[in-house]
Amino acid sequence: MRLHEYEAADIFEQAGVRTANRRLVATPAEAIQAAEEIGFPVMVKAQVLVGGRGKAGGIAAAETADELKRLIDQLLGSEIKGLPVNKLLISEKVSIAQEIYLGITIDSYQGQPVIVASSKGGIDIEKAAAASPESIAKLHINPGELLYPYQARQVLQQIGLKDRQLLGCADILVRLYQAFTENDAIIAEI
């Protein structure tokens, strides 16, 4: 089963992974109210089950109410890669110092979960891996075993994380793995 971003965010929060303040909306009035409650600037994200939403115009920032209204009119009722946009996620726009990709999936060759981390962010992770293999670190975990904090730190040290950033991301990675295993996921990524 594939999940929308808002559904995955709920699961991450249940596992203790902090996520952006957000509201799911289906009408322009709901979107404006959500943005006012969250506070500008906000991100507007089409909720469709397809990859590449951002590149297809389905994710954008709104700095003002006028920009938000324009984005709502543009997105609600449109299609992204053939799928109708009936709902939007309005979320706080967070300041990003550095993008880091953390993912867990099943390695079909080895039949076990694999942790993948990259210092190059998550957009086009496959291209980043091909262009800069040193920016990617992997760790296989035996099925049924936990991911321990020391293992998470080791993986993240390989992509250059240090100090507080290392400890914070290691905690997130351990919690992400917990969400992955508890929900019998095939992939979990942030």
C-alpha atoms as a PDB file:
ATOM      1  CA  MET A   1       0.000   0.000   0.000  1.00  0.00           C
ATOM      2  CA  ARG A   2       1.326   3.426  -0.925  1.00  0.00           C
ATOM      3  CA  LEU A   3       0.751   6.321   1.413  1.00  0.00           C
ATOM      4  CA  HIS A   4       0.211   9.995   0.801  1.00  0.00           C
ATOM      5  CA  GLU A   5       2.706  12.349   2.412  1.00  0.00           C
ATOM      6  CA  TYR A   6       0.243  13.382   5.115  1.00  0.00           C
ATOM      7  CA  GLU A   7      -0.358   9.722   6.053  1.00  0.00           C
ATOM      8  CA  ALA A   8       3.375   9.004   6.233  1.00  0.00           C
ATOM      9  CA  ALA A   9       3.903  12.127   8.363  1.00  0.00           C
ATOM     10  CA  ASP A  10       1.343  10.825  10.863  1.00  0.00           C
ATOM     11  CA  ILE A  11       3.205   7.495  11.095  1.00  0.00           C
ATOM     12  CA  PHE A  12       6.547   9.266  11.510  1.00  0.00           C
ATOM     13  CA  GLU A  13       5.129  11.408  14.311  1.00  0.00           C
ATOM     14  CA  GLN A  14       3.803   8.305  16.080  1.00  0.00           C
ATOM     15  CA  ALA A  15       7.369   6.939  15.964  1.00  0.00           C
ATOM     16  CA  GLY A  16       8.724  10.168  17.471  1.00  0.00           C
ATOM     17  CA  VAL A  17      10.103  11.721  14.284  1.00  0.00           C
ATOM     18  CA  ARG A  18       9.346  15.445  14.339  1.00  0.00           C
ATOM     19  CA  THR A  19       7.535  16.693  11.247  1.00  0.00           C
ATOM     20  CA  ALA A  20       6.430  20.083  10.006  1.00  0.00           C
ATOM     21  CA  ASN A  21       3.188  21.597  11.290  1.00  0.00           C
ATOM     22  CA  ARG A  22       0.620  20.785   8.604  1.00  0.00           C
ATOM     23  CA  ARG A  23      -3.046  20.568   7.623  1.00  0.00           C
ATOM     24  CA  LEU A  24      -4.754  18.473   4.955  1.00  0.00           C
ATOM     25  CA  VAL A  25      -7.250  20.522   2.947  1.00  0.00           C
ATOM     26  CA  ALA A  26      -9.701  19.951   0.113  1.00  0.00           C
ATOM     27  CA  THR A  27     -11.070  23.447  -0.560  1.00  0.00           C
ATOM     28  CA  PRO A  28      -9.608  26.920  -1.078  1.00  0.00           C
ATOM     29  CA  ALA A  29     -11.259  28.150   2.132  1.00  0.00           C
ATOM     30  CA  GLU A  30      -9.691  25.307   4.146  1.00  0.00           C
ATOM     31  CA  ALA A  31      -6.281  26.041   2.598  1.00  0.00           C
ATOM     32  CA  ILE A  32      -6.424  29.731   3.478  1.00  0.00           C
ATOM     33  CA  GLN A  33      -7.561  28.977   7.034  1.00  0.00           C
ATOM     34  CA  ALA A  34      -4.785  26.383   7.448  1.00  0.00           C
ATOM     35  CA  ALA A  35      -2.132  28.819   6.213  1.00  0.00           C
ATOM     36  CA  GLU A  36      -3.378  31.507   8.583  1.00  0.00           C
ATOM     37  CA  GLU A  37      -3.235  29.068  11.505  1.00  0.00           C
ATOM     38  CA  ILE A  38       0.242  27.808  10.565  1.00  0.00           C
ATOM     39  CA  GLY A  39       1.588  31.215   9.561  1.00  0.00           C
ATOM     40  CA  PHE A  40       3.228  32.333   6.314  1.00  0.00           C
ATOM     41  CA  PRO A  41       5.331  31.301   4.522  1.00  0.00           C
ATOM     42  CA  VAL A  42       3.840  27.866   3.842  1.00  0.00           C
ATOM     43  CA  MET A  43       4.431  24.980   1.504  1.00  0.00           C
ATOM     44  CA  VAL A  44       1.610  23.778  -0.727  1.00  0.00           C
ATOM     45  CA  LYS A  45       1.894  20.104  -1.648  1.00  0.00           C
ATOM     46  CA  ALA A  46      -0.406  18.159  -3.961  1.00  0.00           C
ATOM     47  CA  GLN A  47      -1.411  14.855  -2.385  1.00  0.00           C
ATOM     48  CA  VAL A  48      -1.174  12.341  -5.217  1.00  0.00           C
ATOM     49  CA  LEU A  49       0.435   8.916  -5.144  1.00  0.00           C
ATOM     50  CA  VAL A  50       3.184   9.578  -7.654  1.00  0.00           C
ATOM     51  CA  GLY A  51       6.872  10.381  -7.483  1.00  0.00           C
ATOM     52  CA  GLY A  52       8.292  13.592  -8.860  1.00  0.00           C
ATOM     53  CA  ARG A  53       5.507  15.855  -7.596  1.00  0.00           C
ATOM     54  CA  GLY A  54       7.891  18.747  -7.090  1.00  0.00           C
ATOM     55  CA  LYS A  55       9.326  18.601 -10.588  1.00  0.00           C
ATOM     56  CA  ALA A  56       5.784  18.343 -11.971  1.00  0.00           C
ATOM     57  CA  GLY A  57       4.759  21.563 -10.212  1.00  0.00           C
ATOM     58  CA  GLY A  58       2.918  19.869  -7.359  1.00  0.00           C
ATOM     59  CA  ILE A  59       5.014  21.377  -4.562  1.00  0.00           C
ATOM     60  CA  ALA A  60       5.541  25.106  -4.162  1.00  0.00           C
ATOM     61  CA  ALA A  61       6.057  27.778  -1.525  1.00  0.00           C
ATOM     62  CA  ALA A  62       3.575  30.558  -0.823  1.00  0.00           C
ATOM     63  CA  GLU A  63       5.022  33.596   0.914  1.00  0.00           C
ATOM     64  CA  THR A  64       1.727  35.501   0.987  1.00  0.00           C
ATOM     65  CA  ALA A  65      -2.042  34.907   0.920  1.00  0.00           C
ATOM     66  CA  ASP A  66      -2.164  36.066  -2.710  1.00  0.00           C
ATOM     67  CA  GLU A  67       0.487  33.525  -3.724  1.00  0.00           C
ATOM     68  CA  LEU A  68      -1.394  30.839  -1.818  1.00  0.00           C
ATOM     69  CA  LYS A  69      -4.656  31.645  -3.631  1.00  0.00           C
ATOM     70  CA  ARG A  70      -2.872  31.442  -6.998  1.00  0.00           C
ATOM     71  CA  LEU A  71      -1.332  28.054  -6.108  1.00  0.00           C
ATOM     72  CA  ILE A  72      -4.645  26.677  -4.827  1.00  0.00           C
ATOM     73  CA  ASP A  73      -6.398  27.684  -8.068  1.00  0.00           C
ATOM     74  CA  GLN A  74      -3.564  26.159 -10.071  1.00  0.00           C
ATOM     75  CA  LEU A  75      -3.390  22.843  -8.179  1.00  0.00           C
ATOM     76  CA  LEU A  76      -6.853  21.860  -6.914  1.00  0.00           C
ATOM     77  CA  GLY A  77      -8.667  20.021  -9.689  1.00  0.00           C
ATOM     78  CA  SER A  78      -5.552  19.732 -11.848  1.00  0.00           C
ATOM     79  CA  GLU A  79      -3.712  16.532 -12.711  1.00  0.00           C
ATOM     80  CA  ILE A  80      -0.170  15.481 -11.954  1.00  0.00           C
ATOM     81  CA  LYS A  81       1.086  12.648 -14.115  1.00  0.00           C
ATOM     82  CA  GLY A  82      -2.512  11.688 -14.880  1.00  0.00           C
ATOM     83  CA  LEU A  83      -3.722  11.680 -11.265  1.00  0.00           C
ATOM     84  CA  PRO A  84      -6.283  14.227 -10.055  1.00  0.00           C
ATOM     85  CA  VAL A  85      -5.304  16.626  -7.287  1.00  0.00           C
ATOM     86  CA  ASN A  86      -8.232  16.632  -4.844  1.00  0.00           C
ATOM     87  CA  LYS A  87      -6.330  17.396  -1.644  1.00  0.00           C
ATOM     88  CA  LEU A  88      -3.443  19.614  -0.662  1.00  0.00           C
ATOM     89  CA  LEU A  89      -1.119  19.537   2.288  1.00  0.00           C
ATOM     90  CA  ILE A  90      -0.447  22.996   3.690  1.00  0.00           C
ATOM     91  CA  SER A  91       2.648  22.903   5.889  1.00  0.00           C
ATOM     92  CA  GLU A  92       5.030  25.291   7.521  1.00  0.00           C
ATOM     93  CA  LYS A  93       8.023  26.231   5.420  1.00  0.00           C
ATOM     94  CA  VAL A  94      11.064  25.209   7.398  1.00  0.00           C
ATOM     95  CA  SER A  95      14.529  26.646   7.068  1.00  0.00           C
ATOM     96  CA  ILE A  96      16.903  24.076   5.569  1.00  0.00           C
ATOM     97  CA  ALA A  97      20.601  24.295   6.384  1.00  0.00           C
ATOM     98  CA  GLN A  98      21.474  21.057   4.558  1.00  0.00           C
ATOM     99  CA  GLU A  99      19.440  18.368   2.843  1.00  0.00           C
ATOM    100  CA  ILE A 100      20.155  14.820   3.942  1.00  0.00           C
ATOM    101  CA  TYR A 101      18.480  11.700   2.599  1.00  0.00           C
ATOM    102  CA  LEU A 102      17.620   8.867   4.984  1.00  0.00           C
ATOM    103  CA  GLY A 103      15.910   5.800   3.598  1.00  0.00           C
ATOM    104  CA  ILE A 104      15.210   2.202   4.431  1.00  0.00           C
ATOM    105  CA  THR A 105      14.108  -0.377   1.916  1.00  0.00           C
ATOM    106  CA  ILE A 106      14.356  -4.098   1.292  1.00  0.00           C
ATOM    107  CA  ASP A 107      17.421  -5.228  -0.613  1.00  0.00           C
ATOM    108  CA  SER A 108      15.863  -7.871  -2.841  1.00  0.00           C
ATOM    109  CA  TYR A 109      19.253  -9.448  -3.601  1.00  0.00           C
ATOM    110  CA  GLN A 110      20.148 -10.012   0.045  1.00  0.00           C
ATOM    111  CA  GLY A 111      16.589 -10.356   1.349  1.00  0.00           C
ATOM    112  CA  GLN A 112      17.075  -7.930   4.199  1.00  0.00           C
ATOM    113  CA  PRO A 113      16.482  -4.286   5.093  1.00  0.00           C
ATOM    114  CA  VAL A 114      19.109  -1.798   3.980  1.00  0.00           C
ATOM    115  CA  ILE A 115      19.677   1.661   5.397  1.00  0.00           C
ATOM    116  CA  VAL A 116      20.681   4.249   2.802  1.00  0.00           C
ATOM    117  CA  ALA A 117      21.959   7.690   3.793  1.00  0.00           C
ATOM    118  CA  SER A 118      23.209  10.505   1.597  1.00  0.00           C
ATOM    119  CA  SER A 119      24.622  13.948   2.198  1.00  0.00           C
ATOM    120  CA  LYS A 120      23.202  15.023  -1.168  1.00  0.00           C
ATOM    121  CA  GLY A 121      19.520  15.232  -0.209  1.00  0.00           C
ATOM    122  CA  GLY A 122      16.719  13.092  -1.539  1.00  0.00           C
ATOM    123  CA  ILE A 123      15.758  14.444  -4.929  1.00  0.00           C
ATOM    124  CA  ASP A 124      17.144  12.153  -7.615  1.00  0.00           C
ATOM    125  CA  ILE A 125      18.966  10.034  -5.050  1.00  0.00           C
ATOM    126  CA  GLU A 126      19.828   7.504  -7.764  1.00  0.00           C
ATOM    127  CA  LYS A 127      21.591  10.193  -9.822  1.00  0.00           C
ATOM    128  CA  ALA A 128      23.431  11.461  -6.731  1.00  0.00           C
ATOM    129  CA  ALA A 129      24.652   7.933  -6.031  1.00  0.00           C
ATOM    130  CA  ALA A 130      25.943   7.542  -9.580  1.00  0.00           C
ATOM    131  CA  ALA A 131      27.590  10.984  -9.705  1.00  0.00           C
ATOM    132  CA  SER A 132      29.007  11.006  -6.158  1.00  0.00           C
ATOM    133  CA  PRO A 133      29.197   7.466  -4.751  1.00  0.00           C
ATOM    134  CA  GLU A 134      31.148   8.789  -1.754  1.00  0.00           C
ATOM    135  CA  SER A 135      28.042  10.738  -0.683  1.00  0.00           C
ATOM    136  CA  ILE A 136      26.112   7.492  -0.099  1.00  0.00           C
ATOM    137  CA  ALA A 137      26.416   5.081   2.835  1.00  0.00           C
ATOM    138  CA  LYS A 138      24.590   1.781   3.274  1.00  0.00           C
ATOM    139  CA  LEU A 139      24.068  -0.665   6.105  1.00  0.00           C
ATOM    140  CA  HIS A 140      22.249  -4.003   5.913  1.00  0.00           C
ATOM    141  CA  ILE A 141      20.266  -5.122   8.957  1.00  0.00           C
ATOM    142  CA  ASN A 142      19.354  -8.745   9.615  1.00  0.00           C
ATOM    143  CA  PRO A 143      15.598  -9.306   9.463  1.00  0.00           C
ATOM    144  CA  GLY A 144      14.004  -9.071  12.890  1.00  0.00           C
ATOM    145  CA  GLU A 145      16.921  -7.159  14.405  1.00  0.00           C
ATOM    146  CA  LEU A 146      16.827  -3.617  15.720  1.00  0.00           C
ATOM    147  CA  LEU A 147      18.833  -0.701  14.409  1.00  0.00           C
ATOM    148  CA  TYR A 148      20.941   0.480  17.334  1.00  0.00           C
ATOM    149  CA  PRO A 149      22.015   4.100  17.822  1.00  0.00           C
ATOM    150  CA  TYR A 150      25.697   3.220  17.430  1.00  0.00           C
ATOM    151  CA  GLN A 151      24.931   1.635  14.019  1.00  0.00           C
ATOM    152  CA  ALA A 152      23.005   4.719  12.912  1.00  0.00           C
ATOM    153  CA  ARG A 153      25.912   6.947  14.005  1.00  0.00           C
ATOM    154  CA  GLN A 154      28.402   4.787  12.067  1.00  0.00           C
ATOM    155  CA  VAL A 155      26.371   5.080   8.856  1.00  0.00           C
ATOM    156  CA  LEU A 156      25.932   8.816   9.251  1.00  0.00           C
ATOM    157  CA  GLN A 157      29.616   9.387  10.014  1.00  0.00           C
ATOM    158  CA  GLN A 158      30.348   7.862   6.603  1.00  0.00           C
ATOM    159  CA  ILE A 159      28.492  10.750   4.929  1.00  0.00           C
ATOM    160  CA  GLY A 160      30.311  13.353   6.998  1.00  0.00           C
ATOM    161  CA  LEU A 161      27.914  14.129   9.836  1.00  0.00           C
ATOM    162  CA  LYS A 162      29.431  15.196  13.155  1.00  0.00           C
ATOM    163  CA  ASP A 163      28.565  16.358  16.643  1.00  0.00           C
ATOM    164  CA  ARG A 164      24.967  17.497  17.271  1.00  0.00           C
ATOM    165  CA  GLN A 165      23.945  16.921  13.653  1.00  0.00           C
ATOM    166  CA  LEU A 166      25.213  13.334  13.894  1.00  0.00           C
ATOM    167  CA  LEU A 167      23.366  12.639  17.152  1.00  0.00           C
ATOM    168  CA  GLY A 168      20.107  14.236  15.985  1.00  0.00           C
ATOM    169  CA  CYS A 169      20.074  12.434  12.638  1.00  0.00           C
ATOM    170  CA  ALA A 170      21.014   9.122  14.279  1.00  0.00           C
ATOM    171  CA  ASP A 171      17.987   9.446  16.569  1.00  0.00           C
ATOM    172  CA  ILE A 172      15.764  10.171  13.564  1.00  0.00           C
ATOM    173  CA  LEU A 173      17.195   7.197  11.673  1.00  0.00           C
ATOM    174  CA  VAL A 174      16.573   4.809  14.582  1.00  0.00           C
ATOM    175  CA  ARG A 175      12.968   6.068  14.851  1.00  0.00           C
ATOM    176  CA  LEU A 176      12.488   5.824  11.085  1.00  0.00           C
ATOM    177  CA  TYR A 177      13.656   2.203  11.204  1.00  0.00           C
ATOM    178  CA  GLN A 178      11.199   1.567  14.033  1.00  0.00           C
ATOM    179  CA  ALA A 179       8.354   2.970  11.904  1.00  0.00           C
ATOM    180  CA  PHE A 180       9.578   0.894   8.938  1.00  0.00           C
ATOM    181  CA  THR A 181       9.531  -2.393  10.878  1.00  0.00           C
ATOM    182  CA  GLU A 182       6.356  -1.745  12.892  1.00  0.00           C
ATOM    183  CA  ASN A 183       4.408  -0.974   9.700  1.00  0.00           C
ATOM    184  CA  ASP A 184       5.870  -3.821   7.612  1.00  0.00           C
ATOM    185  CA  ALA A 185       7.010  -1.235   5.074  1.00  0.00           C
ATOM    186  CA  ILE A 186       8.838  -1.873   1.858  1.00  0.00           C
ATOM    187  CA  ILE A 187      10.329   1.615   1.854  1.00  0.00           C
ATOM    188  CA  ALA A 188      10.460   4.537   4.258  1.00  0.00           C
ATOM    189  CA  GLU A 189      12.361   7.678   3.394  1.00  0.00           C
ATOM    190  CA  ILE A 190      12.809  11.262   4.433  1.00  0.00           C
END
